[in-house]
Amino acid sequence: MNSPACSTTGKIAAAAVVWLAIFGAPAFAAPPDVASCSSCHGADGMGNMSAGFPALAGLPAPYLEAQLANFRTGMRANPIMGGIAAHLTTAQILSISAYYAALPVPQKPEPAPLPHGPGAALALDGDWNHTPAGVPPCGSCHGPFGLGVGETFPRLAGQPQAYIAAQLADWQTGRRKGGPLGLMGHVGGKLTAAQIDAVAAYYAALSPNPPRLPKPGASE
């Protein structure tokens, strides 16, 4: 069951999204603690591609809450984020997460033609011949074109290539833990360095918020 705090956060985030859709402006002011986040993740929450800092805007609040909590406890290792999260209270984590979840993600068409090659193949079809157990398609959890599914599987589309590759490497080595059923740890352990680079490049090239999705099979 969701805690009352999580339920309240979700209602705040949902209301903020409705406000953004109608008025095109934040429904509430940025909490003071966001100042330390924006220097890396951008004032608009869309990250920094060249520096490899991920976009937080529009990601589910519960997912962001979980990541900050993991940084705070050391379950997710990062010297910068660990130091920041260590000083955050639970209330601050909730308010920061709700704020970024409510930020709009600018619309951008998918690239034409869509990316293809080994990264696209891994994302769309998986690699069932790589090991006896196989590697499932990334899209089976992260959704069509990496736009994310629910509160657990985040958007990969449009995230920096260096960031995606670094996270896959961390899953592979065990530096990053947690997640539903430990799925990413199992998947990361089966990937080669070339596969990590290829699938990271594929998702980095996609739109984080396309006006419409391409027709099925358009990427083949």
Protein backbone atom coordinates (compact mmCIF):
# COMPACT_ATOMS: atom_id res chain seq x y z
CA MET A 1 0.00 0.00 0.00
CA ASN A 2 1.12 3.55 -0.64
CA SER A 3 1.89 5.70 2.36
CA PRO A 4 -0.23 8.84 2.96
CA ALA A 5 2.81 10.94 2.12
CA CYS A 6 3.27 9.20 -1.25
CA SER A 7 -0.45 9.50 -1.98
CA THR A 8 -0.38 13.23 -1.22
CA THR A 9 2.71 13.69 -3.38
CA GLY A 10 1.02 11.94 -6.27
CA LYS A 11 -2.05 14.19 -5.99
CA ILE A 12 0.15 17.30 -5.92
CA ALA A 13 2.09 16.14 -8.96
CA ALA A 14 -1.11 15.29 -10.86
CA ALA A 15 -2.63 18.67 -10.10
CA ALA A 16 0.55 20.36 -11.22
CA VAL A 17 0.53 18.53 -14.53
CA VAL A 18 -3.05 19.66 -15.21
CA TRP A 19 -2.09 23.25 -14.40
CA LEU A 20 0.90 23.05 -16.74
CA ALA A 21 -1.23 21.70 -19.55
CA ILE A 22 -3.68 24.58 -19.24
CA PHE A 23 -1.51 27.55 -18.29
CA GLY A 24 1.99 26.51 -19.36
CA ALA A 25 3.57 27.61 -16.08
CA PRO A 26 4.62 25.84 -12.90
CA ALA A 27 1.71 25.23 -10.53
CA PHE A 28 3.90 26.00 -7.53
CA ALA A 29 7.24 27.60 -6.90
CA ALA A 30 10.38 25.50 -6.87
CA PRO A 31 11.26 24.38 -3.35
CA PRO A 32 14.46 26.01 -2.06
CA ASP A 33 16.30 22.68 -2.12
CA VAL A 34 16.00 22.51 -5.93
CA ALA A 35 18.70 25.19 -6.26
CA SER A 36 21.39 22.59 -5.63
CA CYS A 37 19.81 20.32 -8.28
CA SER A 38 19.44 22.80 -11.11
CA SER A 39 23.16 23.47 -11.49
CA CYS A 40 23.52 19.96 -12.95
CA HIS A 41 20.01 18.99 -14.02
CA GLY A 42 19.09 22.36 -15.52
CA ALA A 43 16.59 25.02 -14.52
CA ASP A 44 14.04 23.26 -16.73
CA GLY A 45 14.95 19.83 -15.35
CA MET A 46 16.03 18.57 -18.77
CA GLY A 47 19.58 17.71 -17.77
CA ASN A 48 22.82 18.36 -19.59
CA MET A 49 23.59 16.13 -22.58
CA SER A 50 27.23 17.12 -22.98
CA ALA A 51 28.03 16.64 -19.29
CA GLY A 52 25.98 13.45 -18.97
CA PHE A 53 23.59 14.76 -16.31
CA PRO A 54 20.13 13.16 -16.68
CA ALA A 55 16.80 14.86 -17.23
CA LEU A 56 14.47 14.70 -14.24
CA ALA A 57 11.51 16.63 -15.66
CA GLY A 58 8.41 14.51 -16.03
CA LEU A 59 9.80 11.41 -14.34
CA PRO A 60 7.36 9.82 -11.86
CA ALA A 61 7.60 11.30 -8.37
CA PRO A 62 7.75 7.85 -6.68
CA TYR A 63 10.68 6.89 -8.91
CA LEU A 64 12.56 10.09 -8.06
CA GLU A 65 11.79 9.61 -4.36
CA ALA A 66 13.22 6.09 -4.48
CA GLN A 67 16.41 7.24 -6.21
CA LEU A 68 17.06 10.04 -3.72
CA ALA A 69 16.42 7.64 -0.87
CA ASN A 70 18.86 5.16 -2.42
CA PHE A 71 21.50 7.85 -2.76
CA ARG A 72 20.92 8.82 0.86
CA THR A 73 21.43 5.27 2.12
CA GLY A 74 24.30 4.47 -0.25
CA MET A 75 22.35 1.75 -2.08
CA ARG A 76 23.01 3.79 -5.20
CA ALA A 77 26.63 4.97 -5.26
CA ASN A 78 27.55 8.42 -6.57
CA PRO A 79 29.91 10.80 -4.76
CA ILE A 80 28.03 13.95 -5.79
CA MET A 81 24.47 12.73 -5.33
CA GLY A 82 25.36 10.79 -2.19
CA GLY A 83 26.69 13.93 -0.57
CA ILE A 84 23.61 15.96 -1.53
CA ALA A 85 21.03 13.34 -0.58
CA ALA A 86 22.69 12.65 2.77
CA HIS A 87 21.51 16.05 4.00
CA LEU A 88 17.94 15.83 2.68
CA THR A 89 15.01 15.09 4.95
CA THR A 90 12.20 12.85 3.82
CA ALA A 91 9.98 15.91 3.43
CA GLN A 92 12.57 17.57 1.21
CA ILE A 93 12.86 14.44 -0.93
CA LEU A 94 9.09 14.41 -1.39
CA SER A 95 8.90 18.09 -2.36
CA ILE A 96 11.84 17.91 -4.79
CA SER A 97 10.43 14.79 -6.44
CA ALA A 98 6.96 16.29 -6.81
CA TYR A 99 8.42 19.44 -8.33
CA TYR A 100 10.45 17.66 -11.01
CA ALA A 101 7.64 15.23 -11.77
CA ALA A 102 5.38 18.20 -12.55
CA LEU A 103 7.82 19.98 -14.88
CA PRO A 104 6.85 19.81 -18.57
CA VAL A 105 8.94 17.85 -21.05
CA PRO A 106 9.28 19.86 -24.29
CA GLN A 107 7.77 18.18 -27.32
CA LYS A 108 10.18 17.10 -30.00
CA PRO A 109 9.53 14.83 -33.01
CA GLU A 110 11.23 11.49 -33.22
CA PRO A 111 14.27 11.52 -35.52
CA ALA A 112 13.63 10.56 -39.13
CA PRO A 113 14.74 8.03 -39.99
CA LEU A 114 14.61 6.35 -36.62
CA PRO A 115 17.89 5.00 -35.25
CA HIS A 116 18.69 1.46 -36.33
CA GLY A 117 21.48 -1.03 -35.81
CA PRO A 118 22.48 -3.16 -32.80
CA GLY A 119 21.19 -0.67 -30.22
CA ALA A 120 17.75 -0.56 -31.78
CA ALA A 121 17.72 -4.35 -32.13
CA LEU A 122 18.53 -4.83 -28.46
CA ALA A 123 15.95 -2.26 -27.36
CA LEU A 124 13.17 -3.62 -29.56
CA ASP A 125 13.90 -7.35 -29.84
CA GLY A 126 16.37 -8.23 -27.10
CA ASP A 127 19.20 -10.69 -27.58
CA TRP A 128 18.01 -14.20 -26.88
CA ASN A 129 21.16 -15.81 -28.32
CA HIS A 130 23.63 -13.91 -26.17
CA THR A 131 23.24 -16.27 -23.19
CA PRO A 132 21.00 -19.28 -22.52
CA ALA A 133 18.72 -17.05 -20.45
CA GLY A 134 18.79 -14.27 -23.04
CA VAL A 135 18.40 -10.51 -22.76
CA PRO A 136 14.80 -9.27 -23.00
CA PRO A 137 13.98 -6.18 -25.06
CA CYS A 138 14.48 -2.96 -23.09
CA GLY A 139 11.10 -1.80 -24.38
CA SER A 140 9.32 -4.65 -22.61
CA CYS A 141 9.78 -2.72 -19.36
CA HIS A 142 10.59 0.84 -20.44
CA GLY A 143 7.82 1.05 -23.01
CA PRO A 144 7.60 1.96 -26.69
CA PHE A 145 10.54 4.15 -27.74
CA GLY A 146 11.78 4.28 -24.14
CA LEU A 147 9.12 6.65 -22.84
CA GLY A 148 8.77 4.82 -19.54
CA VAL A 149 6.02 2.75 -17.94
CA GLY A 150 4.21 3.56 -14.71
CA GLU A 151 6.01 4.65 -11.56
CA THR A 152 8.79 2.06 -11.67
CA PHE A 153 10.33 2.03 -15.14
CA PRO A 154 11.70 5.47 -16.04
CA ARG A 155 11.95 7.23 -19.37
CA LEU A 156 15.19 6.47 -21.20
CA ALA A 157 14.42 8.41 -24.37
CA GLY A 158 16.46 11.57 -24.68
CA GLN A 159 18.65 10.87 -21.68
CA PRO A 160 22.38 11.51 -22.24
CA GLN A 161 24.20 8.60 -23.83
CA ALA A 162 27.01 8.81 -21.26
CA TYR A 163 24.49 8.65 -18.42
CA ILE A 164 22.63 5.60 -19.77
CA ALA A 165 25.91 3.79 -20.43
CA ALA A 166 27.21 4.62 -16.95
CA GLN A 167 24.05 3.31 -15.29
CA LEU A 168 24.16 0.05 -17.24
CA ALA A 169 27.80 -0.37 -16.24
CA ASP A 170 26.86 0.30 -12.59
CA TRP A 171 24.09 -2.30 -12.76
CA GLN A 172 26.60 -4.70 -14.27
CA THR A 173 29.20 -4.23 -11.52
CA GLY A 174 26.72 -3.98 -8.66
CA ARG A 175 27.47 -0.32 -7.89
CA ARG A 176 23.78 0.33 -8.47
CA LYS A 177 21.32 -1.89 -6.65
CA GLY A 178 17.59 -2.10 -6.02
CA GLY A 179 14.84 -1.81 -8.58
CA PRO A 180 11.91 -4.18 -9.11
CA LEU A 181 12.94 -7.81 -8.58
CA GLY A 182 16.57 -6.91 -9.22
CA LEU A 183 15.82 -7.02 -12.95
CA MET A 184 18.41 -4.51 -14.07
CA GLY A 185 21.20 -6.21 -12.19
CA HIS A 186 20.44 -9.44 -14.05
CA VAL A 187 20.14 -7.70 -17.41
CA GLY A 188 23.24 -5.56 -16.94
CA GLY A 189 25.33 -8.60 -16.13
CA LYS A 190 24.56 -10.12 -19.53
CA LEU A 191 25.48 -7.13 -21.67
CA THR A 192 28.76 -6.61 -23.46
CA ALA A 193 30.49 -3.22 -23.50
CA ALA A 194 29.55 -2.86 -27.17
CA GLN A 195 25.88 -3.56 -26.41
CA ILE A 196 25.88 -1.01 -23.61
CA ASP A 197 27.30 1.68 -25.89
CA ALA A 198 24.89 0.80 -28.71
CA VAL A 199 21.70 0.79 -26.68
CA ALA A 200 22.73 3.95 -24.84
CA ALA A 201 23.24 5.72 -28.16
CA TYR A 202 19.88 4.46 -29.41
CA TYR A 203 17.86 5.82 -26.50
CA ALA A 204 19.81 9.08 -26.36
CA ALA A 205 18.79 9.77 -29.97
CA LEU A 206 15.06 9.39 -29.29
CA SER A 207 12.63 12.15 -28.35
CA PRO A 208 11.70 12.42 -24.66
CA ASN A 209 8.23 13.65 -25.64
CA PRO A 210 7.23 13.03 -29.27
CA PRO A 211 3.98 14.65 -30.50
CA ARG A 212 3.06 11.23 -31.88
CA LEU A 213 4.66 7.80 -31.99
CA PRO A 214 5.83 6.31 -35.29
CA LYS A 215 3.77 3.49 -36.72
CA PRO A 216 4.68 -0.02 -35.56
CA GLY A 217 7.54 -1.38 -37.62
CA ALA A 218 8.69 2.05 -38.74
CA SER A 219 12.06 1.55 -37.10
CA GLU A 220 12.77 -1.69 -38.95
